[in-house]
């Protein structure tokens, strides 16, 4: 994922979209765990709450399951 953020969309939304593309491209398969919030936050230099918000959207949209 590009580490430069698009100003037209919130960062959490861009993170969410990236995970959706990973699912559609087969990078993440059913049953695979999502990358840890802490690792994603560190890699992309964002607040962990931003990653949590992106992950919660995925749960709300039933694209991933929370275990």
N, C-alpha and C. Protein backbone atom coordinates (compact mmCIF):
# COMPACT_ATOMS: atom_id res chain seq x y z
N UNK A 1 0.84 -1.18 0.00
CA UNK A 1 0.00 0.00 0.00
C UNK A 1 0.88 1.24 0.00
N UNK A 2 0.46 2.21 -0.72
CA UNK A 2 1.18 3.47 -0.78
C UNK A 2 1.13 4.15 0.59
N UNK A 3 2.27 4.62 1.04
CA UNK A 3 2.31 5.28 2.35
C UNK A 3 1.95 6.75 2.26
N UNK A 4 1.68 7.24 1.06
CA UNK A 4 1.21 8.61 0.92
C UNK A 4 -0.30 8.56 0.83
N UNK A 5 -0.93 9.37 1.64
CA UNK A 5 -2.38 9.32 1.75
C UNK A 5 -3.04 10.29 0.78
N UNK A 6 -4.17 9.87 0.27
CA UNK A 6 -4.99 10.68 -0.61
C UNK A 6 -5.83 11.60 0.27
N UNK A 7 -5.72 12.89 0.04
CA UNK A 7 -6.43 13.86 0.89
C UNK A 7 -7.94 13.85 0.71
N UNK A 8 -8.42 13.23 -0.36
CA UNK A 8 -9.85 13.28 -0.63
C UNK A 8 -10.65 12.25 0.18
N UNK A 9 -9.95 11.36 0.87
CA UNK A 9 -10.62 10.31 1.63
C UNK A 9 -9.95 10.16 2.99
N UNK A 10 -10.71 9.90 4.05
CA UNK A 10 -10.09 9.68 5.37
C UNK A 10 -9.13 8.49 5.33
N UNK A 11 -8.09 8.55 6.15
CA UNK A 11 -7.08 7.49 6.16
C UNK A 11 -7.70 6.15 6.53
N UNK A 12 -8.61 6.12 7.51
CA UNK A 12 -9.21 4.83 7.89
C UNK A 12 -9.93 4.21 6.70
N UNK A 13 -10.52 5.03 5.86
CA UNK A 13 -11.24 4.53 4.69
C UNK A 13 -10.26 3.97 3.66
N UNK A 14 -9.12 4.62 3.52
CA UNK A 14 -8.10 4.13 2.59
C UNK A 14 -7.53 2.79 3.08
N UNK A 15 -7.33 2.67 4.40
CA UNK A 15 -6.88 1.39 4.96
C UNK A 15 -7.92 0.31 4.73
N UNK A 16 -9.18 0.63 4.95
CA UNK A 16 -10.27 -0.31 4.73
C UNK A 16 -10.29 -0.77 3.28
N UNK A 17 -10.17 0.18 2.35
CA UNK A 17 -10.17 -0.16 0.92
C UNK A 17 -8.99 -1.06 0.56
N UNK A 18 -7.84 -0.81 1.18
CA UNK A 18 -6.67 -1.65 0.92
C UNK A 18 -6.93 -3.09 1.35
N UNK A 19 -7.53 -3.29 2.50
CA UNK A 19 -7.84 -4.64 2.96
C UNK A 19 -8.85 -5.30 2.02
N UNK A 20 -9.83 -4.56 1.56
CA UNK A 20 -10.81 -5.10 0.61
C UNK A 20 -10.10 -5.58 -0.65
N UNK A 21 -9.16 -4.80 -1.15
CA UNK A 21 -8.41 -5.21 -2.34
C UNK A 21 -7.58 -6.46 -2.06
N UNK A 22 -7.02 -6.56 -0.85
CA UNK A 22 -6.26 -7.76 -0.49
C UNK A 22 -7.16 -8.99 -0.50
N UNK A 23 -8.40 -8.83 -0.06
CA UNK A 23 -9.36 -9.94 -0.07
C UNK A 23 -9.72 -10.30 -1.50
N UNK A 24 -10.06 -9.30 -2.30
CA UNK A 24 -10.47 -9.54 -3.69
C UNK A 24 -9.33 -10.13 -4.53
N UNK A 25 -8.09 -9.73 -4.24
CA UNK A 25 -6.93 -10.23 -4.98
C UNK A 25 -6.45 -11.58 -4.48
N UNK A 26 -7.07 -12.10 -3.43
CA UNK A 26 -6.68 -13.41 -2.90
C UNK A 26 -5.48 -13.39 -1.98
N UNK A 27 -5.00 -12.21 -1.64
CA UNK A 27 -3.88 -12.11 -0.71
C UNK A 27 -4.33 -12.56 0.68
N UNK A 28 -5.52 -12.15 1.07
CA UNK A 28 -6.14 -12.62 2.31
C UNK A 28 -7.25 -13.59 1.94
N UNK A 29 -7.17 -14.77 2.48
CA UNK A 29 -8.18 -15.79 2.20
C UNK A 29 -9.07 -15.99 3.42
N UNK A 30 -10.18 -16.65 3.21
CA UNK A 30 -11.10 -16.93 4.31
C UNK A 30 -10.36 -17.63 5.44
N UNK A 31 -10.53 -17.12 6.63
CA UNK A 31 -9.89 -17.69 7.81
C UNK A 31 -8.55 -17.07 8.15
N UNK A 32 -7.95 -16.33 7.20
CA UNK A 32 -6.68 -15.66 7.48
C UNK A 32 -6.90 -14.53 8.48
N UNK A 33 -5.99 -14.36 9.42
CA UNK A 33 -6.11 -13.22 10.33
C UNK A 33 -5.68 -11.94 9.62
N UNK A 34 -6.29 -10.84 10.01
CA UNK A 34 -5.85 -9.55 9.51
C UNK A 34 -4.52 -9.20 10.16
N UNK A 35 -3.72 -8.39 9.49
CA UNK A 35 -2.48 -7.93 10.14
C UNK A 35 -2.83 -7.23 11.45
N UNK A 36 -1.95 -7.34 12.42
CA UNK A 36 -2.25 -6.75 13.73
C UNK A 36 -2.38 -5.24 13.64
N UNK A 37 -3.24 -4.71 14.47
CA UNK A 37 -3.46 -3.26 14.51
C UNK A 37 -2.14 -2.56 14.79
N UNK A 38 -1.40 -3.07 15.73
CA UNK A 38 -0.13 -2.45 16.11
C UNK A 38 0.86 -2.42 14.95
N UNK A 39 0.96 -3.54 14.21
CA UNK A 39 1.88 -3.59 13.08
C UNK A 39 1.47 -2.66 11.95
N UNK A 40 0.19 -2.63 11.63
CA UNK A 40 -0.30 -1.75 10.57
C UNK A 40 -0.07 -0.29 10.95
N UNK A 41 -0.39 0.04 12.19
CA UNK A 41 -0.20 1.42 12.66
C UNK A 41 1.27 1.83 12.57
N UNK A 42 2.16 0.95 12.96
CA UNK A 42 3.59 1.26 12.89
C UNK A 42 4.08 1.36 11.45
N UNK A 43 3.66 0.42 10.62
CA UNK A 43 4.11 0.41 9.22
C UNK A 43 3.67 1.65 8.46
N UNK A 44 2.44 2.08 8.69
CA UNK A 44 1.90 3.22 7.94
C UNK A 44 1.92 4.52 8.72
N UNK A 45 2.50 4.45 9.92
CA UNK A 45 2.65 5.64 10.77
C UNK A 45 1.32 6.36 10.99
N UNK A 46 0.36 5.57 11.45
CA UNK A 46 -0.95 6.11 11.79
C UNK A 46 -1.29 5.71 13.21
N UNK A 47 -2.25 6.34 13.79
CA UNK A 47 -2.72 6.02 15.12
C UNK A 47 -3.40 4.64 15.09
N UNK A 48 -3.15 3.79 16.08
CA UNK A 48 -3.83 2.49 16.13
C UNK A 48 -5.35 2.60 16.08
N UNK A 49 -5.90 3.69 16.62
CA UNK A 49 -7.36 3.87 16.57
C UNK A 49 -7.85 4.03 15.13
N UNK A 50 -7.01 4.56 14.27
CA UNK A 50 -7.36 4.69 12.85
C UNK A 50 -7.50 3.31 12.22
N UNK A 51 -6.56 2.43 12.55
CA UNK A 51 -6.61 1.05 12.04
C UNK A 51 -7.83 0.34 12.61
N UNK A 52 -8.09 0.52 13.90
CA UNK A 52 -9.27 -0.10 14.51
C UNK A 52 -10.56 0.35 13.83
N UNK A 53 -10.63 1.62 13.50
CA UNK A 53 -11.83 2.14 12.82
C UNK A 53 -11.99 1.48 11.45
N UNK A 54 -10.90 1.32 10.72
CA UNK A 54 -10.95 0.65 9.42
C UNK A 54 -11.40 -0.79 9.58
N UNK A 55 -10.83 -1.49 10.55
CA UNK A 55 -11.20 -2.89 10.79
C UNK A 55 -12.66 -3.00 11.23
N UNK A 56 -13.13 -2.06 12.04
CA UNK A 56 -14.53 -2.11 12.49
C UNK A 56 -15.48 -1.92 11.31
N UNK A 57 -15.12 -1.09 10.36
CA UNK A 57 -15.96 -0.94 9.16
C UNK A 57 -16.06 -2.26 8.42
N UNK A 58 -14.94 -2.97 8.33
CA UNK A 58 -14.95 -4.27 7.64
C UNK A 58 -15.86 -5.26 8.36
N UNK A 59 -15.85 -5.23 9.68
CA UNK A 59 -16.73 -6.09 10.47
C UNK A 59 -18.19 -5.68 10.25
N UNK A 60 -18.45 -4.39 10.32
CA UNK A 60 -19.82 -3.88 10.14
C UNK A 60 -20.37 -4.24 8.76
N UNK A 61 -19.50 -4.27 7.76
CA UNK A 61 -19.91 -4.60 6.40
C UNK A 61 -19.91 -6.11 6.15
N UNK A 62 -19.59 -6.87 7.20
CA UNK A 62 -19.54 -8.33 7.15
C UNK A 62 -18.55 -8.85 6.11
N UNK A 63 -17.45 -8.10 5.93
CA UNK A 63 -16.38 -8.55 5.04
C UNK A 63 -15.36 -9.39 5.79
N UNK A 64 -15.28 -9.18 7.10
CA UNK A 64 -14.42 -9.99 7.97
C UNK A 64 -15.19 -10.30 9.24
N UNK A 65 -14.74 -11.34 9.94
CA UNK A 65 -15.34 -11.70 11.23
C UNK A 65 -14.39 -11.34 12.35
N UNK A 66 -14.96 -10.88 13.43
CA UNK A 66 -14.18 -10.61 14.63
C UNK A 66 -14.21 -11.86 15.49
N UNK A 67 -13.04 -12.32 15.91
CA UNK A 67 -12.97 -13.54 16.73
C UNK A 67 -12.37 -13.24 18.07
